[in-house]
Amino acid sequence: VFFIAPNDPRFIKTVERILLSPDKGGLTSAGLVYRYDTSVSDDGVG
């Protein structure tokens, strides 16, 4: 949505963290991306 440049260091570092596996603090497993870590987030649904 053009809020930030796709090569902005802040965004690139965020992407690189998302690309890590959940056990390493990321959100990607087998090339698939999770919304967030539901095991540690209390979103009122469980």
PDB file of all heavy atoms in Angstrom:
ATOM      1  N   VAL A   1       0.832  -1.205   0.000  1.00  0.00           N
ATOM      2  CA  VAL A   1       0.000   0.000   0.000  1.00  0.00           C
ATOM      3  C   VAL A   1       0.870   1.261   0.000  1.00  0.00           C
ATOM      4  O   VAL A   1       0.381   2.359   0.233  1.00  0.00           O
ATOM      5  CB  VAL A   1      -0.967   0.007   1.204  1.00  0.00           C
ATOM      6  CG1 VAL A   1      -1.961  -1.134   1.093  1.00  0.00           C
ATOM      7  CG2 VAL A   1      -0.222  -0.048   2.534  1.00  0.00           C
ATOM      8  N   PHE A   2       2.187   1.087  -0.244  1.00  0.00           N
ATOM      9  CA  PHE A   2       3.138   2.189  -0.392  1.00  0.00           C
ATOM     10  C   PHE A   2       3.305   3.010   0.886  1.00  0.00           C
ATOM     11  O   PHE A   2       3.605   4.199   0.830  1.00  0.00           O
ATOM     12  CB  PHE A   2       2.747   3.079  -1.578  1.00  0.00           C
ATOM     13  CG  PHE A   2       2.704   2.314  -2.873  1.00  0.00           C
ATOM     14  CD1 PHE A   2       1.509   1.787  -3.345  1.00  0.00           C
ATOM     15  CD2 PHE A   2       3.859   2.083  -3.591  1.00  0.00           C
ATOM     16  CE1 PHE A   2       1.474   1.044  -4.512  1.00  0.00           C
ATOM     17  CE2 PHE A   2       3.831   1.351  -4.765  1.00  0.00           C
ATOM     18  CZ  PHE A   2       2.641   0.819  -5.221  1.00  0.00           C
ATOM     19  N   PHE A   3       3.127   2.342   2.023  1.00  0.00           N
ATOM     20  CA  PHE A   3       3.430   2.990   3.297  1.00  0.00           C
ATOM     21  C   PHE A   3       4.938   3.089   3.496  1.00  0.00           C
ATOM     22  O   PHE A   3       5.431   4.078   4.042  1.00  0.00           O
ATOM     23  CB  PHE A   3       2.803   2.199   4.448  1.00  0.00           C
ATOM     24  CG  PHE A   3       3.152   2.728   5.816  1.00  0.00           C
ATOM     25  CD1 PHE A   3       2.445   3.787   6.360  1.00  0.00           C
ATOM     26  CD2 PHE A   3       4.193   2.172   6.557  1.00  0.00           C
ATOM     27  CE1 PHE A   3       2.774   4.296   7.619  1.00  0.00           C
ATOM     28  CE2 PHE A   3       4.520   2.668   7.820  1.00  0.00           C
ATOM     29  CZ  PHE A   3       3.808   3.736   8.347  1.00  0.00           C
ATOM     30  N   ILE A   4       5.651   2.067   3.050  1.00  0.00           N
ATOM     31  CA  ILE A   4       7.094   2.026   3.230  1.00  0.00           C
ATOM     32  C   ILE A   4       7.723   1.436   1.979  1.00  0.00           C
ATOM     33  O   ILE A   4       7.085   0.640   1.272  1.00  0.00           O
ATOM     34  CB  ILE A   4       7.472   1.190   4.478  1.00  0.00           C
ATOM     35  CG1 ILE A   4       8.923   1.428   4.905  1.00  0.00           C
ATOM     36  CG2 ILE A   4       7.194  -0.289   4.248  1.00  0.00           C
ATOM     37  CD1 ILE A   4       9.253   0.815   6.269  1.00  0.00           C
ATOM     38  N   ALA A   5       8.935   1.858   1.670  1.00  0.00           N
ATOM     39  CA  ALA A   5       9.637   1.295   0.517  1.00  0.00           C
ATOM     40  C   ALA A   5       9.954  -0.180   0.784  1.00  0.00           C
ATOM     41  O   ALA A   5      10.336  -0.540   1.903  1.00  0.00           O
ATOM     42  CB  ALA A   5      10.920   2.071   0.249  1.00  0.00           C
ATOM     43  N   PRO A   6       9.807  -1.043  -0.230  1.00  0.00           N
ATOM     44  CA  PRO A   6      10.046  -2.475   0.000  1.00  0.00           C
ATOM     45  C   PRO A   6      11.493  -2.808   0.337  1.00  0.00           C
ATOM     46  O   PRO A   6      11.776  -3.896   0.836  1.00  0.00           O
ATOM     47  CB  PRO A   6       9.629  -3.111  -1.327  1.00  0.00           C
ATOM     48  CG  PRO A   6       9.726  -2.011  -2.337  1.00  0.00           C
ATOM     49  CD  PRO A   6       9.376  -0.761  -1.604  1.00  0.00           C
ATOM     50  N   ASN A   7      12.407  -1.858   0.076  1.00  0.00           N
ATOM     51  CA  ASN A   7      13.819  -2.096   0.414  1.00  0.00           C
ATOM     52  C   ASN A   7      14.263  -1.323   1.643  1.00  0.00           C
ATOM     53  O   ASN A   7      15.462  -1.294   1.966  1.00  0.00           O
ATOM     54  CB  ASN A   7      14.713  -1.720  -0.771  1.00  0.00           C
ATOM     55  CG  ASN A   7      14.709  -0.223  -1.039  1.00  0.00           C
ATOM     56  OD1 ASN A   7      13.673   0.428  -0.863  1.00  0.00           O
ATOM     57  ND2 ASN A   7      15.840   0.318  -1.479  1.00  0.00           N
ATOM     58  N   ASP A   8      13.311  -0.688   2.344  1.00  0.00           N
ATOM     59  CA  ASP A   8      13.663   0.034   3.568  1.00  0.00           C
ATOM     60  C   ASP A   8      14.260  -0.950   4.575  1.00  0.00           C
ATOM     61  O   ASP A   8      13.702  -2.022   4.804  1.00  0.00           O
ATOM     62  CB  ASP A   8      12.408   0.695   4.152  1.00  0.00           C
ATOM     63  CG  ASP A   8      12.739   1.611   5.314  1.00  0.00           C
ATOM     64  OD1 ASP A   8      13.109   1.092   6.398  1.00  0.00           O
ATOM     65  OD2 ASP A   8      12.617   2.837   5.157  1.00  0.00           O
ATOM     66  N   PRO A   9      15.402  -0.619   5.182  1.00  0.00           N
ATOM     67  CA  PRO A   9      16.046  -1.563   6.110  1.00  0.00           C
ATOM     68  C   PRO A   9      15.117  -2.042   7.218  1.00  0.00           C
ATOM     69  O   PRO A   9      15.185  -3.208   7.627  1.00  0.00           O
ATOM     70  CB  PRO A   9      17.216  -0.751   6.670  1.00  0.00           C
ATOM     71  CG  PRO A   9      17.547   0.220   5.582  1.00  0.00           C
ATOM     72  CD  PRO A   9      16.240   0.586   4.966  1.00  0.00           C
ATOM     73  N   ARG A  10      14.257  -1.173   7.718  1.00  0.00           N
ATOM     74  CA  ARG A  10      13.333  -1.600   8.769  1.00  0.00           C
ATOM     75  C   ARG A  10      12.396  -2.698   8.259  1.00  0.00           C
ATOM     76  O   ARG A  10      12.116  -3.666   8.971  1.00  0.00           O
ATOM     77  CB  ARG A  10      12.511  -0.417   9.284  1.00  0.00           C
ATOM     78  CG  ARG A  10      13.310   0.557  10.139  1.00  0.00           C
ATOM     79  CD  ARG A  10      12.404   1.538  10.843  1.00  0.00           C
ATOM     80  NE  ARG A  10      13.136   2.332  11.827  1.00  0.00           N
ATOM     81  CZ  ARG A  10      12.561   2.953  12.855  1.00  0.00           C
ATOM     82  NH1 ARG A  10      11.255   2.874  13.028  1.00  0.00           N
ATOM     83  NH2 ARG A  10      13.297   3.652  13.703  1.00  0.00           N
ATOM     84  N   PHE A  11      11.919  -2.525   7.036  1.00  0.00           N
ATOM     85  CA  PHE A  11      11.001  -3.528   6.498  1.00  0.00           C
ATOM     86  C   PHE A  11      11.747  -4.807   6.137  1.00  0.00           C
ATOM     87  O   PHE A  11      11.267  -5.920   6.415  1.00  0.00           O
ATOM     88  CB  PHE A  11      10.266  -2.978   5.276  1.00  0.00           C
ATOM     89  CG  PHE A  11       9.259  -3.954   4.729  1.00  0.00           C
ATOM     90  CD1 PHE A  11       8.067  -4.195   5.393  1.00  0.00           C
ATOM     91  CD2 PHE A  11       9.523  -4.666   3.563  1.00  0.00           C
ATOM     92  CE1 PHE A  11       7.146  -5.116   4.909  1.00  0.00           C
ATOM     93  CE2 PHE A  11       8.604  -5.586   3.072  1.00  0.00           C
ATOM     94  CZ  PHE A  11       7.418  -5.812   3.746  1.00  0.00           C
ATOM     95  N   ILE A  12      12.912  -4.687   5.540  1.00  0.00           N
ATOM     96  CA  ILE A  12      13.690  -5.864   5.156  1.00  0.00           C
ATOM     97  C   ILE A  12      14.038  -6.704   6.383  1.00  0.00           C
ATOM     98  O   ILE A  12      13.942  -7.944   6.370  1.00  0.00           O
ATOM     99  CB  ILE A  12      14.963  -5.448   4.396  1.00  0.00           C
ATOM    100  CG1 ILE A  12      14.596  -4.909   3.003  1.00  0.00           C
ATOM    101  CG2 ILE A  12      15.930  -6.619   4.270  1.00  0.00           C
ATOM    102  CD1 ILE A  12      13.945  -5.925   2.084  1.00  0.00           C
ATOM    103  N   LYS A  13      14.428  -6.039   7.479  1.00  0.00           N
ATOM    104  CA  LYS A  13      14.744  -6.780   8.702  1.00  0.00           C
ATOM    105  C   LYS A  13      13.512  -7.490   9.253  1.00  0.00           C
ATOM    106  O   LYS A  13      13.602  -8.595   9.794  1.00  0.00           O
ATOM    107  CB  LYS A  13      15.334  -5.835   9.740  1.00  0.00           C
ATOM    108  CG  LYS A  13      16.745  -5.355   9.401  1.00  0.00           C
ATOM    109  CD  LYS A  13      17.250  -4.341  10.418  1.00  0.00           C
ATOM    110  CE  LYS A  13      18.648  -3.843  10.046  1.00  0.00           C
ATOM    111  NZ  LYS A  13      19.129  -2.815  10.998  1.00  0.00           N
ATOM    112  N   THR A  14      12.347  -6.852   9.113  1.00  0.00           N
ATOM    113  CA  THR A  14      11.101  -7.490   9.555  1.00  0.00           C
ATOM    114  C   THR A  14      10.795  -8.710   8.703  1.00  0.00           C
ATOM    115  O   THR A  14      10.407  -9.772   9.220  1.00  0.00           O
ATOM    116  CB  THR A  14       9.935  -6.485   9.493  1.00  0.00           C
ATOM    117  OG1 THR A  14      10.258  -5.327  10.261  1.00  0.00           O
ATOM    118  CG2 THR A  14       8.661  -7.112  10.037  1.00  0.00           C
ATOM    119  N   VAL A  15      10.968  -8.583   7.401  1.00  0.00           N
ATOM    120  CA  VAL A  15      10.734  -9.712   6.498  1.00  0.00           C
ATOM    121  C   VAL A  15      11.679 -10.864   6.818  1.00  0.00           C
ATOM    122  O   VAL A  15      11.274 -12.035   6.858  1.00  0.00           O
ATOM    123  CB  VAL A  15      10.891  -9.271   5.026  1.00  0.00           C
ATOM    124  CG1 VAL A  15      10.942 -10.481   4.099  1.00  0.00           C
ATOM    125  CG2 VAL A  15       9.747  -8.351   4.623  1.00  0.00           C
ATOM    126  N   GLU A  16      12.924 -10.537   7.053  1.00  0.00           N
ATOM    127  CA  GLU A  16      13.904 -11.589   7.368  1.00  0.00           C
ATOM    128  C   GLU A  16      13.548 -12.308   8.664  1.00  0.00           C
ATOM    129  O   GLU A  16      13.744 -13.526   8.787  1.00  0.00           O
ATOM    130  CB  GLU A  16      15.305 -10.977   7.447  1.00  0.00           C
ATOM    131  CG  GLU A  16      15.836 -10.555   6.080  1.00  0.00           C
ATOM    132  CD  GLU A  16      17.145  -9.797   6.155  1.00  0.00           C
ATOM    133  OE1 GLU A  16      17.546  -9.429   7.294  1.00  0.00           O
ATOM    134  OE2 GLU A  16      17.757  -9.552   5.097  1.00  0.00           O
ATOM    135  N   ARG A  17      12.983 -11.591   9.619  1.00  0.00           N
ATOM    136  CA  ARG A  17      12.548 -12.246  10.858  1.00  0.00           C
ATOM    137  C   ARG A  17      11.309 -13.106  10.591  1.00  0.00           C
ATOM    138  O   ARG A  17      11.202 -14.216  11.104  1.00  0.00           O
ATOM    139  CB  ARG A  17      12.258 -11.209  11.942  1.00  0.00           C
ATOM    140  CG  ARG A  17      11.769 -11.831  13.245  1.00  0.00           C
ATOM    141  CD  ARG A  17      11.649 -10.793  14.341  1.00  0.00           C
ATOM    142  NE  ARG A  17      12.940 -10.442  14.898  1.00  0.00           N
ATOM    143  CZ  ARG A  17      13.503 -11.073  15.927  1.00  0.00           C
ATOM    144  NH1 ARG A  17      12.890 -12.094  16.504  1.00  0.00           N
ATOM    145  NH2 ARG A  17      14.674 -10.694  16.387  1.00  0.00           N
ATOM    146  N   ILE A  18      10.376 -12.598   9.805  1.00  0.00           N
ATOM    147  CA  ILE A  18       9.181 -13.380   9.463  1.00  0.00           C
ATOM    148  C   ILE A  18       9.574 -14.671   8.761  1.00  0.00           C
ATOM    149  O   ILE A  18       8.956 -15.728   8.966  1.00  0.00           O
ATOM    150  CB  ILE A  18       8.222 -12.544   8.588  1.00  0.00           C
ATOM    151  CG1 ILE A  18       7.561 -11.447   9.427  1.00  0.00           C
ATOM    152  CG2 ILE A  18       7.149 -13.429   7.939  1.00  0.00           C
ATOM    153  CD1 ILE A  18       6.725 -10.474   8.627  1.00  0.00           C
ATOM    154  N   LEU A  19      10.610 -14.629   7.952  1.00  0.00           N
ATOM    155  CA  LEU A  19      11.055 -15.808   7.211  1.00  0.00           C
ATOM    156  C   LEU A  19      11.658 -16.893   8.108  1.00  0.00           C
ATOM    157  O   LEU A  19      11.804 -18.039   7.674  1.00  0.00           O
ATOM    158  CB  LEU A  19      12.071 -15.402   6.147  1.00  0.00           C
ATOM    159  CG  LEU A  19      11.487 -14.795   4.863  1.00  0.00           C
ATOM    160  CD1 LEU A  19      12.581 -14.116   4.049  1.00  0.00           C
ATOM    161  CD2 LEU A  19      10.778 -15.866   4.035  1.00  0.00           C
ATOM    162  N   LEU A  20      12.009 -16.537   9.348  1.00  0.00           N
ATOM    163  CA  LEU A  20      12.525 -17.551  10.265  1.00  0.00           C
ATOM    164  C   LEU A  20      11.411 -18.505  10.686  1.00  0.00           C
ATOM    165  O   LEU A  20      10.229 -18.166  10.634  1.00  0.00           O
ATOM    166  CB  LEU A  20      13.122 -16.877  11.512  1.00  0.00           C
ATOM    167  CG  LEU A  20      14.344 -15.974  11.314  1.00  0.00           C
ATOM    168  CD1 LEU A  20      14.701 -15.305  12.635  1.00  0.00           C
ATOM    169  CD2 LEU A  20      15.518 -16.774  10.767  1.00  0.00           C
ATOM    170  N   SER A  21      11.785 -19.691  11.121  1.00  0.00           N
ATOM    171  CA  SER A  21      10.801 -20.656  11.611  1.00  0.00           C
ATOM    172  C   SER A  21      10.250 -20.201  12.961  1.00  0.00           C
ATOM    173  O   SER A  21      10.914 -19.435  13.682  1.00  0.00           O
ATOM    174  CB  SER A  21      11.431 -22.040  11.740  1.00  0.00           C
ATOM    175  OG  SER A  21      12.494 -22.007  12.687  1.00  0.00           O
ATOM    176  N   PRO A  22       9.058 -20.633  13.344  1.00  0.00           N
ATOM    177  CA  PRO A  22       8.470 -20.206  14.623  1.00  0.00           C
ATOM    178  C   PRO A  22       9.353 -20.497  15.826  1.00  0.00           C
ATOM    179  O   PRO A  22       9.405 -19.694  16.767  1.00  0.00           O
ATOM    180  CB  PRO A  22       7.160 -21.000  14.674  1.00  0.00           C
ATOM    181  CG  PRO A  22       6.788 -21.203  13.237  1.00  0.00           C
ATOM    182  CD  PRO A  22       8.097 -21.410  12.531  1.00  0.00           C
ATOM    183  N   ASP A  23      10.084 -21.629  15.805  1.00  0.00           N
ATOM    184  CA  ASP A  23      10.929 -21.943  16.954  1.00  0.00           C
ATOM    185  C   ASP A  23      12.150 -21.028  17.050  1.00  0.00           C
ATOM    186  O   ASP A  23      12.849 -21.000  18.069  1.00  0.00           O
ATOM    187  CB  ASP A  23      11.364 -23.411  16.922  1.00  0.00           C
ATOM    188  CG  ASP A  23      12.177 -23.751  15.689  1.00  0.00           C
ATOM    189  OD1 ASP A  23      12.027 -23.057  14.668  1.00  0.00           O
ATOM    190  OD2 ASP A  23      12.964 -24.716  15.743  1.00  0.00           O
ATOM    191  N   LYS A  24      12.405 -20.245  15.990  1.00  0.00           N
ATOM    192  CA  LYS A  24      13.502 -19.279  16.015  1.00  0.00           C
ATOM    193  C   LYS A  24      12.989 -17.845  16.079  1.00  0.00           C
ATOM    194  O   LYS A  24      13.724 -16.896  15.814  1.00  0.00           O
ATOM    195  CB  LYS A  24      14.388 -19.466  14.783  1.00  0.00           C
ATOM    196  CG  LYS A  24      15.105 -20.814  14.745  1.00  0.00           C
ATOM    197  CD  LYS A  24      15.970 -20.954  13.501  1.00  0.00           C
ATOM    198  CE  LYS A  24      16.684 -22.304  13.477  1.00  0.00           C
ATOM    199  NZ  LYS A  24      17.500 -22.478  12.242  1.00  0.00           N
ATOM    200  N   GLY A  25      11.699 -17.708  16.425  1.00  0.00           N
ATOM    201  CA  GLY A  25      11.119 -16.383  16.575  1.00  0.00           C
ATOM    202  C   GLY A  25      10.477 -15.824  15.331  1.00  0.00           C
ATOM    203  O   GLY A  25      10.071 -14.653  15.313  1.00  0.00           O
ATOM    204  N   GLY A  26      10.363 -16.644  14.262  1.00  0.00           N
ATOM    205  CA  GLY A  26       9.751 -16.196  13.015  1.00  0.00           C
ATOM    206  C   GLY A  26       8.329 -16.690  12.859  1.00  0.00           C
ATOM    207  O   GLY A  26       7.704 -17.173  13.811  1.00  0.00           O
ATOM    208  N   LEU A  27       7.815 -16.619  11.636  1.00  0.00           N
ATOM    209  CA  LEU A  27       6.426 -17.005  11.366  1.00  0.00           C
ATOM    210  C   LEU A  27       6.290 -17.918  10.157  1.00  0.00           C
ATOM    211  O   LEU A  27       5.170 -18.176   9.709  1.00  0.00           O
ATOM    212  CB  LEU A  27       5.568 -15.744  11.146  1.00  0.00           C
ATOM    213  CG  LEU A  27       5.380 -14.820  12.351  1.00  0.00           C
ATOM    214  CD1 LEU A  27       4.640 -13.553  11.931  1.00  0.00           C
ATOM    215  CD2 LEU A  27       4.636 -15.524  13.472  1.00  0.00           C
ATOM    216  N   THR A  28       7.415 -18.414   9.632  1.00  0.00           N
ATOM    217  CA  THR A  28       7.365 -19.203   8.398  1.00  0.00           C
ATOM    218  C   THR A  28       7.803 -20.639   8.657  1.00  0.00           C
ATOM    219  O   THR A  28       8.863 -20.886   9.236  1.00  0.00           O
ATOM    220  CB  THR A  28       8.259 -18.584   7.313  1.00  0.00           C
ATOM    221  OG1 THR A  28       7.868 -17.220   7.109  1.00  0.00           O
ATOM    222  CG2 THR A  28       8.130 -19.340   6.001  1.00  0.00           C
ATOM    223  N   SER A  29       6.973 -21.569   8.225  1.00  0.00           N
ATOM    224  CA  SER A  29       7.283 -22.989   8.361  1.00  0.00           C
ATOM    225  C   SER A  29       6.940 -23.688   7.059  1.00  0.00           C
ATOM    226  O   SER A  29       5.817 -23.553   6.558  1.00  0.00           O
ATOM    227  CB  SER A  29       6.473 -23.604   9.518  1.00  0.00           C
ATOM    228  OG  SER A  29       6.710 -24.991   9.629  1.00  0.00           O
ATOM    229  N   ALA A  30       7.917 -24.415   6.498  1.00  0.00           N
ATOM    230  CA  ALA A  30       7.726 -25.101   5.215  1.00  0.00           C
ATOM    231  C   ALA A  30       7.256 -24.141   4.121  1.00  0.00           C
ATOM    232  O   ALA A  30       6.481 -24.514   3.242  1.00  0.00           O
ATOM    233  CB  ALA A  30       6.733 -26.259   5.363  1.00  0.00           C
ATOM    234  N   GLY A  31       7.734 -22.895   4.193  1.00  0.00           N
ATOM    235  CA  GLY A  31       7.376 -21.911   3.180  1.00  0.00           C
ATOM    236  C   GLY A  31       6.003 -21.308   3.356  1.00  0.00           C
ATOM    237  O   GLY A  31       5.525 -20.579   2.479  1.00  0.00           O
ATOM    238  N   LEU A  32       5.345 -21.561   4.492  1.00  0.00           N
ATOM    239  CA  LEU A  32       4.004 -21.050   4.760  1.00  0.00           C
ATOM    240  C   LEU A  32       4.061 -20.078   5.936  1.00  0.00           C
ATOM    241  O   LEU A  32       4.760 -20.315   6.916  1.00  0.00           O
ATOM    242  CB  LEU A  32       3.043 -22.199   5.074  1.00  0.00           C
ATOM    243  CG  LEU A  32       2.952 -23.307   4.022  1.00  0.00           C
ATOM    244  CD1 LEU A  32       2.069 -24.443   4.522  1.00  0.00           C
ATOM    245  CD2 LEU A  32       2.407 -22.755   2.707  1.00  0.00           C
ATOM    246  N   VAL A  33       3.291 -19.004   5.848  1.00  0.00           N
ATOM    247  CA  VAL A  33       3.377 -17.914   6.818  1.00  0.00           C
ATOM    248  C   VAL A  33       2.173 -17.925   7.758  1.00  0.00           C
ATOM    249  O   VAL A  33       1.022 -17.985   7.305  1.00  0.00           O
ATOM    250  CB  VAL A  33       3.462 -16.551   6.103  1.00  0.00           C
ATOM    251  CG1 VAL A  33       3.575 -15.414   7.112  1.00  0.00           C
ATOM    252  CG2 VAL A  33       4.650 -16.529   5.144  1.00  0.00           C
ATOM    253  N   TYR A  34       2.464 -17.844   9.051  1.00  0.00           N
ATOM    254  CA  TYR A  34       1.420 -17.752  10.073  1.00  0.00           C
ATOM    255  C   TYR A  34       1.116 -16.281  10.369  1.00  0.00           C
ATOM    256  O   TYR A  34       1.944 -15.400  10.145  1.00  0.00           O
ATOM    257  CB  TYR A  34       1.860 -18.462  11.359  1.00  0.00           C
ATOM    258  CG  TYR A  34       1.920 -19.962  11.215  1.00  0.00           C
ATOM    259  CD1 TYR A  34       3.021 -20.580  10.630  1.00  0.00           C
ATOM    260  CD2 TYR A  34       0.869 -20.759  11.644  1.00  0.00           C
ATOM    261  CE1 TYR A  34       3.073 -21.959  10.476  1.00  0.00           C
ATOM    262  CE2 TYR A  34       0.908 -22.142  11.505  1.00  0.00           C
ATOM    263  CZ  TYR A  34       2.015 -22.734  10.912  1.00  0.00           C
ATOM    264  OH  TYR A  34       2.054 -24.095  10.762  1.00  0.00           O
ATOM    265  N   ARG A  35      -0.097 -16.012  10.895  1.00  0.00           N
ATOM    266  CA  ARG A  35      -0.471 -14.633  11.242  1.00  0.00           C
ATOM    267  C   ARG A  35       0.413 -14.102  12.368  1.00  0.00           C
ATOM    268  O   ARG A  35       1.014 -13.053  12.266  1.00  0.00           O
ATOM    269  CB  ARG A  35      -1.932 -14.565  11.690  1.00  0.00           C
ATOM    270  CG  ARG A  35      -2.942 -14.970  10.639  1.00  0.00           C
ATOM    271  CD  ARG A  35      -4.335 -14.674  11.113  1.00  0.00           C
ATOM    272  NE  ARG A  35      -4.664 -15.352  12.377  1.00  0.00           N
ATOM    273  CZ  ARG A  35      -5.763 -15.114  13.086  1.00  0.00           C
ATOM    274  NH1 ARG A  35      -6.636 -14.212  12.671  1.00  0.00           N
ATOM    275  NH2 ARG A  35      -6.001 -15.767  14.213  1.00  0.00           N
ATOM    276  N   TYR A  36       0.429 -14.835  13.461  1.00  0.00           N
ATOM    277  CA  TYR A  36       1.228 -14.510  14.640  1.00  0.00           C
ATOM    278  C   TYR A  36       1.282 -15.772  15.483  1.00  0.00           C
ATOM    279  O   TYR A  36       0.632 -16.783  15.155  1.00  0.00           O
ATOM    280  CB  TYR A  36       0.634 -13.341  15.431  1.00  0.00           C
ATOM    281  CG  TYR A  36      -0.843 -13.474  15.743  1.00  0.00           C
ATOM    282  CD1 TYR A  36      -1.289 -14.159  16.864  1.00  0.00           C
ATOM    283  CD2 TYR A  36      -1.806 -12.904  14.903  1.00  0.00           C
ATOM    284  CE1 TYR A  36      -2.637 -14.289  17.150  1.00  0.00           C
ATOM    285  CE2 TYR A  36      -3.156 -13.022  15.174  1.00  0.00           C
ATOM    286  CZ  TYR A  36      -3.576 -13.712  16.295  1.00  0.00           C
ATOM    287  OH  TYR A  36      -4.912 -13.840  16.559  1.00  0.00           O
ATOM    288  N   ASP A  37       2.014 -15.766  16.551  1.00  0.00           N
ATOM    289  CA  ASP A  37       2.177 -16.959  17.388  1.00  0.00           C
ATOM    290  C   ASP A  37       0.994 -17.049  18.352  1.00  0.00           C
ATOM    291  O   ASP A  37       0.962 -16.376  19.382  1.00  0.00           O
ATOM    292  CB  ASP A  37       3.495 -16.881  18.161  1.00  0.00           C
ATOM    293  CG  ASP A  37       3.814 -18.190  18.886  1.00  0.00           C
ATOM    294  OD1 ASP A  37       2.914 -19.037  19.029  1.00  0.00           O
ATOM    295  OD2 ASP A  37       4.979 -18.351  19.311  1.00  0.00           O
ATOM    296  N   THR A  38       0.012 -17.866  18.009  1.00  0.00           N
ATOM    297  CA  THR A  38      -1.190 -17.975  18.843  1.00  0.00           C
ATOM    298  C   THR A  38      -0.902 -18.654  20.174  1.00  0.00           C
ATOM    299  O   THR A  38      -1.688 -18.531  21.113  1.00  0.00           O
ATOM    300  CB  THR A  38      -2.283 -18.772  18.106  1.00  0.00           C
ATOM    301  OG1 THR A  38      -1.767 -20.058  17.729  1.00  0.00           O
ATOM    302  CG2 THR A  38      -2.747 -18.037  16.863  1.00  0.00           C
ATOM    303  N   SER A  39       0.224 -19.346  20.268  1.00  0.00           N
ATOM    304  CA  SER A  39       0.536 -20.029  21.524  1.00  0.00           C
ATOM    305  C   SER A  39       0.921 -19.057  22.632  1.00  0.00           C
ATOM    306  O   SER A  39       0.826 -19.378  23.815  1.00  0.00           O
ATOM    307  CB  SER A  39       1.666 -21.047  21.321  1.00  0.00           C
ATOM    308  OG  SER A  39       2.887 -20.393  21.005  1.00  0.00           O
ATOM    309  N   VAL A  40       1.352 -17.848  22.248  1.00  0.00           N
ATOM    310  CA  VAL A  40       1.737 -16.866  23.260  1.00  0.00           C
ATOM    311  C   VAL A  40       0.899 -15.595  23.178  1.00  0.00           C
ATOM    312  O   VAL A  40       1.111 -14.660  23.946  1.00  0.00           O
ATOM    313  CB  VAL A  40       3.233 -16.497  23.125  1.00  0.00           C
ATOM    314  CG1 VAL A  40       4.103 -17.698  23.387  1.00  0.00           C
ATOM    315  CG2 VAL A  40       3.527 -15.910  21.749  1.00  0.00           C
ATOM    316  N   SER A  41      -0.062 -15.565  22.261  1.00  0.00           N
ATOM    317  CA  SER A  41      -0.906 -14.379  22.107  1.00  0.00           C
ATOM    318  C   SER A  41      -2.301 -14.672  22.642  1.00  0.00           C
ATOM    319  O   SER A  41      -2.940 -15.650  22.252  1.00  0.00           O
ATOM    320  CB  SER A  41      -1.003 -13.979  20.630  1.00  0.00           C
ATOM    321  OG  SER A  41      -1.945 -12.949  20.460  1.00  0.00           O
ATOM    322  N   ASP A  42      -2.778 -13.830  23.518  1.00  0.00           N
ATOM    323  CA  ASP A  42      -4.135 -13.947  24.031  1.00  0.00           C
ATOM    324  C   ASP A  42      -5.043 -13.078  23.167  1.00  0.00           C
ATOM    325  O   ASP A  42      -5.146 -11.870  23.361  1.00  0.00           O
ATOM    326  CB  ASP A  42      -4.197 -13.504  25.494  1.00  0.00           C
ATOM    327  CG  ASP A  42      -5.605 -13.617  26.066  1.00  0.00           C
ATOM    328  OD1 ASP A  42      -6.454 -14.273  25.423  1.00  0.00           O
ATOM    329  OD2 ASP A  42      -5.858 -13.047  27.142  1.00  0.00           O
ATOM    330  N   ASP A  43      -5.693 -13.712  22.188  1.00  0.00           N
ATOM    331  CA  ASP A  43      -6.542 -12.950  21.276  1.00  0.00           C
ATOM    332  C   ASP A  43      -8.028 -13.099  21.588  1.00  0.00           C
ATOM    333  O   ASP A  43      -8.886 -12.685  20.810  1.00  0.00           O
ATOM    334  CB  ASP A  43      -6.273 -13.346  19.819  1.00  0.00           C
ATOM    335  CG  ASP A  43      -6.472 -14.837  19.566  1.00  0.00           C
ATOM    336  OD1 ASP A  43      -7.023 -15.537  20.442  1.00  0.00           O
ATOM    337  OD2 ASP A  43      -6.068 -15.314  18.487  1.00  0.00           O
ATOM    338  N   GLY A  44      -8.333 -13.738  22.729  1.00  0.00           N
ATOM    339  CA  GLY A  44      -9.723 -13.873  23.128  1.00  0.00           C
ATOM    340  C   GLY A  44     -10.448 -15.030  22.492  1.00  0.00           C
ATOM    341  O   GLY A  44     -11.645 -15.222  22.723  1.00  0.00           O
ATOM    342  N   VAL A  45      -9.748 -15.812  21.682  1.00  0.00           N
ATOM    343  CA  VAL A  45     -10.376 -16.963  21.015  1.00  0.00           C
ATOM    344  C   VAL A  45      -9.777 -18.264  21.527  1.00  0.00           C
ATOM    345  O   VAL A  45     -10.480 -19.188  21.928  1.00  0.00           O
ATOM    346  CB  VAL A  45     -10.219 -16.871  19.478  1.00  0.00           C
ATOM    347  CG1 VAL A  45     -10.908 -18.065  18.812  1.00  0.00           C
ATOM    348  CG2 VAL A  45     -10.797 -15.564  18.965  1.00  0.00           C
ATOM    349  N   GLY A  46      -8.446 -18.334  21.540  1.00  0.00           N
ATOM    350  CA  GLY A  46      -7.768 -19.537  22.006  1.00  0.00           C
ATOM    351  C   GLY A  46      -7.688 -20.603  20.940  1.00  0.00           C
ATOM    352  O   GLY A  46      -8.362 -20.551  19.911  1.00  0.00           O
TER     353      GLY A  46
END
